[in-house]
Amino acid sequence: MTLNFPNPSRSYDAAAKRIRFTGHDGMFEVPFFVEVAALSAASPATTGAEAEYLSAFDAKRSSIQDVAREAYSHGRKNMYVLTRADFR
């Protein structure tokens, strides 16, 4: 099976400063997080508001999912945290 993202839901975790989203590999749900710092690098004008981070995520959703697929291809984990380094 391949990793897909059929559910467009995402949420902001203010305590951890990251966006949560979910992928699916067949019947398995795979949790992903992308650090706000990675979104800030992509959209440096953000002021820290939740809506801005979610909007930045939405604008870069395709490339974020590509990076998530790449991370997932390196081995199965309980969860994946994508950082600024993953987007280089």
PDB file of N, CA and C in Angstrom:
ATOM      1  N   MET A   1       0.833  -1.185   0.000  1.00  0.00           N
ATOM      2  CA  MET A   1       0.000   0.000   0.000  1.00  0.00           C
ATOM      3  C   MET A   1       0.879   1.251   0.000  1.00  0.00           C
ATOM      4  N   THR A   2       0.285   2.331  -0.404  1.00  0.00           N
ATOM      5  CA  THR A   2       0.986   3.608  -0.391  1.00  0.00           C
ATOM      6  C   THR A   2       0.301   4.552   0.592  1.00  0.00           C
ATOM      7  N   LEU A   3       1.028   5.547   0.990  1.00  0.00           N
ATOM      8  CA  LEU A   3       0.509   6.521   1.934  1.00  0.00           C
ATOM      9  C   LEU A   3      -0.368   7.532   1.205  1.00  0.00           C
ATOM     10  N   ASN A   4      -1.599   7.696   1.691  1.00  0.00           N
ATOM     11  CA  ASN A   4      -2.555   8.641   1.115  1.00  0.00           C
ATOM     12  C   ASN A   4      -3.054   9.579   2.202  1.00  0.00           C
ATOM     13  N   PHE A   5      -3.639  10.677   1.775  1.00  0.00           N
ATOM     14  CA  PHE A   5      -4.174  11.680   2.691  1.00  0.00           C
ATOM     15  C   PHE A   5      -5.618  11.991   2.312  1.00  0.00           C
ATOM     16  N   PRO A   6      -6.534  11.023   2.527  1.00  0.00           N
ATOM     17  CA  PRO A   6      -7.920  11.225   2.109  1.00  0.00           C
ATOM     18  C   PRO A   6      -8.685  12.212   2.987  1.00  0.00           C
ATOM     19  N   ASN A   7      -8.220  12.441   4.203  1.00  0.00           N
ATOM     20  CA  ASN A   7      -8.906  13.336   5.126  1.00  0.00           C
ATOM     21  C   ASN A   7      -8.146  14.664   5.188  1.00  0.00           C
ATOM     22  N   PRO A   8      -8.743  15.760   4.743  1.00  0.00           N
ATOM     23  CA  PRO A   8      -8.041  17.048   4.729  1.00  0.00           C
ATOM     24  C   PRO A   8      -7.954  17.731   6.099  1.00  0.00           C
ATOM     25  N   SER A   9      -8.455  17.091   7.141  1.00  0.00           N
ATOM     26  CA  SER A   9      -8.423  17.698   8.470  1.00  0.00           C
ATOM     27  C   SER A   9      -7.004  17.930   8.945  1.00  0.00           C
ATOM     28  N   ARG A  10      -6.839  19.021   9.668  1.00  0.00           N
ATOM     29  CA  ARG A  10      -5.578  19.329  10.325  1.00  0.00           C
ATOM     30  C   ARG A  10      -5.925  20.173  11.524  1.00  0.00           C
ATOM     31  N   SER A  11      -5.054  20.147  12.527  1.00  0.00           N
ATOM     32  CA  SER A  11      -5.320  20.929  13.728  1.00  0.00           C
ATOM     33  C   SER A  11      -4.016  21.489  14.262  1.00  0.00           C
ATOM     34  N   TYR A  12      -4.136  22.578  15.000  1.00  0.00           N
ATOM     35  CA  TYR A  12      -2.975  23.248  15.562  1.00  0.00           C
ATOM     36  C   TYR A  12      -2.813  22.849  17.020  1.00  0.00           C
ATOM     37  N   ASP A  13      -1.626  22.408  17.380  1.00  0.00           N
ATOM     38  CA  ASP A  13      -1.282  22.072  18.756  1.00  0.00           C
ATOM     39  C   ASP A  13      -0.433  23.215  19.290  1.00  0.00           C
ATOM     40  N   ALA A  14      -1.054  24.130  20.031  1.00  0.00           N
ATOM     41  CA  ALA A  14      -0.361  25.327  20.517  1.00  0.00           C
ATOM     42  C   ALA A  14       0.754  24.986  21.492  1.00  0.00           C
ATOM     43  N   ALA A  15       0.563  23.980  22.334  1.00  0.00           N
ATOM     44  CA  ALA A  15       1.578  23.619  23.328  1.00  0.00           C
ATOM     45  C   ALA A  15       2.859  23.122  22.667  1.00  0.00           C
ATOM     46  N   ALA A  16       2.712  22.315  21.626  1.00  0.00           N
ATOM     47  CA  ALA A  16       3.875  21.762  20.939  1.00  0.00           C
ATOM     48  C   ALA A  16       4.312  22.610  19.746  1.00  0.00           C
ATOM     49  N   LYS A  17       3.514  23.617  19.398  1.00  0.00           N
ATOM     50  CA  LYS A  17       3.785  24.505  18.267  1.00  0.00           C
ATOM     51  C   LYS A  17       3.968  23.713  16.964  1.00  0.00           C
ATOM     52  N   ARG A  18       2.919  22.956  16.635  1.00  0.00           N
ATOM     53  CA  ARG A  18       2.941  22.175  15.404  1.00  0.00           C
ATOM     54  C   ARG A  18       1.528  21.890  14.919  1.00  0.00           C
ATOM     55  N   ILE A  19       1.442  21.541  13.654  1.00  0.00           N
ATOM     56  CA  ILE A  19       0.174  21.194  13.014  1.00  0.00           C
ATOM     57  C   ILE A  19       0.107  19.673  12.909  1.00  0.00           C
ATOM     58  N   ARG A  20      -1.031  19.123  13.291  1.00  0.00           N
ATOM     59  CA  ARG A  20      -1.247  17.676  13.203  1.00  0.00           C
ATOM     60  C   ARG A  20      -2.094  17.387  11.981  1.00  0.00           C
ATOM     61  N   PHE A  21      -1.706  16.335  11.257  1.00  0.00           N
ATOM     62  CA  PHE A  21      -2.508  15.831  10.150  1.00  0.00           C
ATOM     63  C   PHE A  21      -2.297  14.330  10.073  1.00  0.00           C
ATOM     64  N   THR A  22      -3.138  13.658   9.330  1.00  0.00           N
ATOM     65  CA  THR A  22      -3.117  12.198   9.331  1.00  0.00           C
ATOM     66  C   THR A  22      -3.046  11.646   7.917  1.00  0.00           C
ATOM     67  N   GLY A  23      -2.219  10.627   7.768  1.00  0.00           N
ATOM     68  CA  GLY A  23      -2.145   9.876   6.525  1.00  0.00           C
ATOM     69  C   GLY A  23      -2.715   8.486   6.758  1.00  0.00           C
ATOM     70  N   HIS A  24      -2.950   7.772   5.677  1.00  0.00           N
ATOM     71  CA  HIS A  24      -3.452   6.403   5.777  1.00  0.00           C
ATOM     72  C   HIS A  24      -2.670   5.503   4.838  1.00  0.00           C
ATOM     73  N   ASP A  25      -2.271   4.369   5.374  1.00  0.00           N
ATOM     74  CA  ASP A  25      -1.628   3.313   4.595  1.00  0.00           C
ATOM     75  C   ASP A  25      -2.543   2.106   4.723  1.00  0.00           C
ATOM     76  N   GLY A  26      -3.399   1.935   3.735  1.00  0.00           N
ATOM     77  CA  GLY A  26      -4.416   0.894   3.842  1.00  0.00           C
ATOM     78  C   GLY A  26      -5.340   1.217   5.000  1.00  0.00           C
ATOM     79  N   MET A  27      -5.464   0.289   5.932  1.00  0.00           N
ATOM     80  CA  MET A  27      -6.339   0.520   7.079  1.00  0.00           C
ATOM     81  C   MET A  27      -5.607   1.176   8.256  1.00  0.00           C
ATOM     82  N   PHE A  28      -4.321   1.438   8.108  1.00  0.00           N
ATOM     83  CA  PHE A  28      -3.538   2.022   9.192  1.00  0.00           C
ATOM     84  C   PHE A  28      -3.522   3.547   9.120  1.00  0.00           C
ATOM     85  N   GLU A  29      -3.835   4.168  10.256  1.00  0.00           N
ATOM     86  CA  GLU A  29      -3.772   5.623  10.371  1.00  0.00           C
ATOM     87  C   GLU A  29      -2.357   5.998  10.818  1.00  0.00           C
ATOM     88  N   VAL A  30      -1.772   6.977  10.142  1.00  0.00           N
ATOM     89  CA  VAL A  30      -0.396   7.387  10.418  1.00  0.00           C
ATOM     90  C   VAL A  30      -0.401   8.867  10.822  1.00  0.00           C
ATOM     91  N   PRO A  31      -0.094   9.168  12.091  1.00  0.00           N
ATOM     92  CA  PRO A  31      -0.094  10.568  12.528  1.00  0.00           C
ATOM     93  C   PRO A  31       1.178  11.308  12.121  1.00  0.00           C
ATOM     94  N   PHE A  32       0.993  12.511  11.641  1.00  0.00           N
ATOM     95  CA  PHE A  32       2.095  13.391  11.262  1.00  0.00           C
ATOM     96  C   PHE A  32       1.934  14.724  11.963  1.00  0.00           C
ATOM     97  N   PHE A  33       3.067  15.360  12.220  1.00  0.00           N
ATOM     98  CA  PHE A  33       3.101  16.714  12.762  1.00  0.00           C
ATOM     99  C   PHE A  33       4.110  17.498  11.949  1.00  0.00           C
ATOM    100  N   VAL A  34       3.811  18.734  11.676  1.00  0.00           N
ATOM    101  CA  VAL A  34       4.782  19.624  11.035  1.00  0.00           C
ATOM    102  C   VAL A  34       4.990  20.797  11.982  1.00  0.00           C
ATOM    103  N   GLU A  35       6.250  21.019  12.335  1.00  0.00           N
ATOM    104  CA  GLU A  35       6.564  22.094  13.271  1.00  0.00           C
ATOM    105  C   GLU A  35       6.250  23.453  12.662  1.00  0.00           C
ATOM    106  N   VAL A  36       5.779  24.359  13.502  1.00  0.00           N
ATOM    107  CA  VAL A  36       5.465  25.714  13.071  1.00  0.00           C
ATOM    108  C   VAL A  36       6.705  26.382  12.472  1.00  0.00           C
ATOM    109  N   ALA A  37       7.874  26.075  12.996  1.00  0.00           N
ATOM    110  CA  ALA A  37       9.110  26.664  12.468  1.00  0.00           C
ATOM    111  C   ALA A  37       9.284  26.330  10.989  1.00  0.00           C
ATOM    112  N   ALA A  38       8.859  25.151  10.573  1.00  0.00           N
ATOM    113  CA  ALA A  38       8.947  24.777   9.160  1.00  0.00           C
ATOM    114  C   ALA A  38       7.966  25.600   8.330  1.00  0.00           C
ATOM    115  N   LEU A  39       6.803  25.882   8.880  1.00  0.00           N
ATOM    116  CA  LEU A  39       5.823  26.717   8.183  1.00  0.00           C
ATOM    117  C   LEU A  39       6.272  28.163   8.162  1.00  0.00           C
ATOM    118  N   SER A  40       6.898  28.606   9.225  1.00  0.00           N
ATOM    119  CA  SER A  40       7.390  29.979   9.296  1.00  0.00           C
ATOM    120  C   SER A  40       8.459  30.228   8.251  1.00  0.00           C
ATOM    121  N   ALA A  41       9.271  29.214   7.997  1.00  0.00           N
ATOM    122  CA  ALA A  41      10.299  29.358   6.963  1.00  0.00           C
ATOM    123  C   ALA A  41       9.652  29.522   5.600  1.00  0.00           C
ATOM    124  N   ALA A  42       8.536  28.835   5.397  1.00  0.00           N
ATOM    125  CA  ALA A  42       7.840  28.921   4.122  1.00  0.00           C
ATOM    126  C   ALA A  42       7.036  30.219   4.018  1.00  0.00           C
ATOM    127  N   SER A  43       6.550  30.705   5.148  1.00  0.00           N
ATOM    128  CA  SER A  43       5.732  31.917   5.177  1.00  0.00           C
ATOM    129  C   SER A  43       6.229  32.821   6.303  1.00  0.00           C
ATOM    130  N   PRO A  44       7.330  33.527   6.103  1.00  0.00           N
ATOM    131  CA  PRO A  44       7.941  34.289   7.196  1.00  0.00           C
ATOM    132  C   PRO A  44       7.086  35.427   7.742  1.00  0.00           C
ATOM    133  N   ALA A  45       6.002  35.784   7.102  1.00  0.00           N
ATOM    134  CA  ALA A  45       5.186  36.904   7.565  1.00  0.00           C
ATOM    135  C   ALA A  45       4.212  36.512   8.671  1.00  0.00           C
ATOM    136  N   THR A  46       4.212  35.244   9.086  1.00  0.00           N
ATOM    137  CA  THR A  46       3.249  34.833  10.100  1.00  0.00           C
ATOM    138  C   THR A  46       3.520  35.514  11.431  1.00  0.00           C
ATOM    139  N   THR A  47       2.441  35.787  12.154  1.00  0.00           N
ATOM    140  CA  THR A  47       2.553  36.471  13.447  1.00  0.00           C
ATOM    141  C   THR A  47       2.332  35.522  14.606  1.00  0.00           C
ATOM    142  N   GLY A  48       2.104  34.273  14.341  1.00  0.00           N
ATOM    143  CA  GLY A  48       1.901  33.313  15.415  1.00  0.00           C
ATOM    144  C   GLY A  48       0.451  32.958  15.667  1.00  0.00           C
ATOM    145  N   ALA A  49      -0.461  33.506  14.909  1.00  0.00           N
ATOM    146  CA  ALA A  49      -1.876  33.200  15.093  1.00  0.00           C
ATOM    147  C   ALA A  49      -2.199  31.830  14.489  1.00  0.00           C
ATOM    148  N   GLU A  50      -3.035  31.087  15.198  1.00  0.00           N
ATOM    149  CA  GLU A  50      -3.415  29.746  14.755  1.00  0.00           C
ATOM    150  C   GLU A  50      -3.940  29.748  13.315  1.00  0.00           C
ATOM    151  N   ALA A  51      -4.809  30.673  13.004  1.00  0.00           N
ATOM    152  CA  ALA A  51      -5.397  30.736  11.662  1.00  0.00           C
ATOM    153  C   ALA A  51      -4.326  30.931  10.596  1.00  0.00           C
ATOM    154  N   GLU A  52      -3.303  31.696  10.905  1.00  0.00           N
ATOM    155  CA  GLU A  52      -2.221  31.916   9.939  1.00  0.00           C
ATOM    156  C   GLU A  52      -1.410  30.649   9.723  1.00  0.00           C
ATOM    157  N   TYR A  53      -1.150  29.917  10.797  1.00  0.00           N
ATOM    158  CA  TYR A  53      -0.406  28.663  10.655  1.00  0.00           C
ATOM    159  C   TYR A  53      -1.211  27.643   9.848  1.00  0.00           C
ATOM    160  N   LEU A  54      -2.493  27.547  10.125  1.00  0.00           N
ATOM    161  CA  LEU A  54      -3.333  26.611   9.370  1.00  0.00           C
ATOM    162  C   LEU A  54      -3.423  27.026   7.908  1.00  0.00           C
ATOM    163  N   SER A  55      -3.498  28.317   7.652  1.00  0.00           N
ATOM    164  CA  SER A  55      -3.524  28.810   6.281  1.00  0.00           C
ATOM    165  C   SER A  55      -2.207  28.522   5.564  1.00  0.00           C
ATOM    166  N   ALA A  56      -1.092  28.695   6.268  1.00  0.00           N
ATOM    167  CA  ALA A  56       0.226  28.390   5.684  1.00  0.00           C
ATOM    168  C   ALA A  56       0.325  26.901   5.380  1.00  0.00           C
ATOM    169  N   PHE A  57      -0.208  26.066   6.276  1.00  0.00           N
ATOM    170  CA  PHE A  57      -0.233  24.617   6.033  1.00  0.00           C
ATOM    171  C   PHE A  57      -1.042  24.312   4.777  1.00  0.00           C
ATOM    172  N   ASP A  58      -2.228  24.896   4.685  1.00  0.00           N
ATOM    173  CA  ASP A  58      -3.094  24.651   3.528  1.00  0.00           C
ATOM    174  C   ASP A  58      -2.424  25.069   2.225  1.00  0.00           C
ATOM    175  N   ALA A  59      -1.714  26.181   2.247  1.00  0.00           N
ATOM    176  CA  ALA A  59      -1.049  26.678   1.041  1.00  0.00           C
ATOM    177  C   ALA A  59       0.075  25.752   0.591  1.00  0.00           C
ATOM    178  N   LYS A  60       0.682  25.074   1.535  1.00  0.00           N
ATOM    179  CA  LYS A  60       1.818  24.187   1.234  1.00  0.00           C
ATOM    180  C   LYS A  60       1.458  22.710   1.377  1.00  0.00           C
ATOM    181  N   ARG A  61       0.168  22.416   1.463  1.00  0.00           N
ATOM    182  CA  ARG A  61      -0.289  21.046   1.745  1.00  0.00           C
ATOM    183  C   ARG A  61       0.349  20.005   0.825  1.00  0.00           C
ATOM    184  N   SER A  62       0.378  20.260  -0.450  1.00  0.00           N
ATOM    185  CA  SER A  62       0.908  19.280  -1.399  1.00  0.00           C
ATOM    186  C   SER A  62       2.381  18.959  -1.114  1.00  0.00           C
ATOM    187  N   SER A  63       3.188  19.992  -0.912  1.00  0.00           N
ATOM    188  CA  SER A  63       4.612  19.738  -0.643  1.00  0.00           C
ATOM    189  C   SER A  63       4.809  19.118   0.742  1.00  0.00           C
ATOM    190  N   ILE A  64       3.980  19.485   1.712  1.00  0.00           N
ATOM    191  CA  ILE A  64       4.063  18.875   3.039  1.00  0.00           C
ATOM    192  C   ILE A  64       3.744  17.390   2.943  1.00  0.00           C
ATOM    193  N   GLN A  65       2.729  17.038   2.188  1.00  0.00           N
ATOM    194  CA  GLN A  65       2.380  15.631   2.020  1.00  0.00           C
ATOM    195  C   GLN A  65       3.470  14.876   1.274  1.00  0.00           C
ATOM    196  N   ASP A  66       4.123  15.512   0.322  1.00  0.00           N
ATOM    197  CA  ASP A  66       5.250  14.876  -0.367  1.00  0.00           C
ATOM    198  C   ASP A  66       6.387  14.584   0.611  1.00  0.00           C
ATOM    199  N   VAL A  67       6.681  15.545   1.476  1.00  0.00           N
ATOM    200  CA  VAL A  67       7.729  15.354   2.487  1.00  0.00           C
ATOM    201  C   VAL A  67       7.311  14.250   3.461  1.00  0.00           C
ATOM    202  N   ALA A  68       6.037  14.207   3.821  1.00  0.00           N
ATOM    203  CA  ALA A  68       5.532  13.160   4.713  1.00  0.00           C
ATOM    204  C   ALA A  68       5.681  11.781   4.067  1.00  0.00           C
ATOM    205  N   ARG A  69       5.368  11.673   2.788  1.00  0.00           N
ATOM    206  CA  ARG A  69       5.535  10.395   2.090  1.00  0.00           C
ATOM    207  C   ARG A  69       7.003   9.959   2.086  1.00  0.00           C
ATOM    208  N   GLU A  70       7.892  10.925   1.866  1.00  0.00           N
ATOM    209  CA  GLU A  70       9.322  10.620   1.870  1.00  0.00           C
ATOM    210  C   GLU A  70       9.761  10.124   3.247  1.00  0.00           C
ATOM    211  N   ALA A  71       9.344  10.800   4.307  1.00  0.00           N
ATOM    212  CA  ALA A  71       9.689  10.377   5.669  1.00  0.00           C
ATOM    213  C   ALA A  71       9.134   8.984   5.956  1.00  0.00           C
ATOM    214  N   TYR A  72       7.918   8.736   5.528  1.00  0.00           N
ATOM    215  CA  TYR A  72       7.266   7.444   5.756  1.00  0.00           C
ATOM    216  C   TYR A  72       7.975   6.318   5.000  1.00  0.00           C
ATOM    217  N   SER A  73       8.534   6.636   3.860  1.00  0.00           N
ATOM    218  CA  SER A  73       9.197   5.610   3.046  1.00  0.00           C
ATOM    219  C   SER A  73      10.482   5.080   3.686  1.00  0.00           C
ATOM    220  N   HIS A  74      10.995   5.796   4.685  1.00  0.00           N
ATOM    221  CA  HIS A  74      12.242   5.384   5.341  1.00  0.00           C
ATOM    222  C   HIS A  74      12.012   4.430   6.508  1.00  0.00           C
ATOM    223  N   GLY A  75      10.796   4.056   6.759  1.00  0.00           N
ATOM    224  CA  GLY A  75      10.506   3.114   7.836  1.00  0.00           C
ATOM    225  C   GLY A  75       9.290   3.524   8.632  1.00  0.00           C
ATOM    226  N   ARG A  76       8.634   2.535   9.205  1.00  0.00           N
ATOM    227  CA  ARG A  76       7.398   2.775   9.948  1.00  0.00           C
ATOM    228  C   ARG A  76       7.718   3.224  11.372  1.00  0.00           C
ATOM    229  N   LYS A  77       7.003   4.267  11.813  1.00  0.00           N
ATOM    230  CA  LYS A  77       7.120   4.788  13.170  1.00  0.00           C
ATOM    231  C   LYS A  77       5.721   4.983  13.746  1.00  0.00           C
ATOM    232  N   ASN A  78       5.646   5.239  15.036  1.00  0.00           N
ATOM    233  CA  ASN A  78       4.357   5.514  15.678  1.00  0.00           C
ATOM    234  C   ASN A  78       3.808   6.871  15.269  1.00  0.00           C
ATOM    235  N   MET A  79       4.708   7.817  14.990  1.00  0.00           N
ATOM    236  CA  MET A  79       4.324   9.145  14.529  1.00  0.00           C
ATOM    237  C   MET A  79       5.534   9.782  13.861  1.00  0.00           C
ATOM    238  N   TYR A  80       5.275  10.802  13.084  1.00  0.00           N
ATOM    239  CA  TYR A  80       6.328  11.499  12.352  1.00  0.00           C
ATOM    240  C   TYR A  80       6.231  12.988  12.649  1.00  0.00           C
ATOM    241  N   VAL A  81       7.367  13.594  12.968  1.00  0.00           N
ATOM    242  CA  VAL A  81       7.427  15.038  13.186  1.00  0.00           C
ATOM    243  C   VAL A  81       8.315  15.628  12.099  1.00  0.00           C
ATOM    244  N   LEU A  82       7.726  16.424  11.250  1.00  0.00           N
ATOM    245  CA  LEU A  82       8.463  17.052  10.155  1.00  0.00           C
ATOM    246  C   LEU A  82       9.007  18.401  10.636  1.00  0.00           C
ATOM    247  N   THR A  83      10.278  18.612  10.419  1.00  0.00           N
ATOM    248  CA  THR A  83      10.933  19.848  10.860  1.00  0.00           C
ATOM    249  C   THR A  83      11.392  20.658   9.656  1.00  0.00           C
ATOM    250  N   ARG A  84      11.917  21.823   9.923  1.00  0.00           N
ATOM    251  CA  ARG A  84      12.426  22.690   8.859  1.00  0.00           C
ATOM    252  C   ARG A  84      13.459  21.948   8.007  1.00  0.00           C
ATOM    253  N   ALA A  85      14.286  21.122   8.622  1.00  0.00           N
ATOM    254  CA  ALA A  85      15.320  20.369   7.897  1.00  0.00           C
ATOM    255  C   ALA A  85      14.732  19.408   6.862  1.00  0.00           C
ATOM    256  N   ASP A  86      13.532  18.912   7.099  1.00  0.00           N
ATOM    257  CA  ASP A  86      12.905  17.989   6.153  1.00  0.00           C
ATOM    258  C   ASP A  86      12.473  18.663   4.853  1.00  0.00           C
ATOM    259  N   PHE A  87      12.404  19.981   4.845  1.00  0.00           N
ATOM    260  CA  PHE A  87      11.919  20.711   3.685  1.00  0.00           C
ATOM    261  C   PHE A  87      13.029  21.304   2.839  1.00  0.00           C
ATOM    262  N   ARG A  88      14.240  20.858   3.028  1.00  0.00           N
ATOM    263  CA  ARG A  88      15.383  21.371   2.236  1.00  0.00           C
ATOM    264  C   ARG A  88      15.679  20.480   1.091  1.00  0.00           C
TER     265      ARG A  88
END
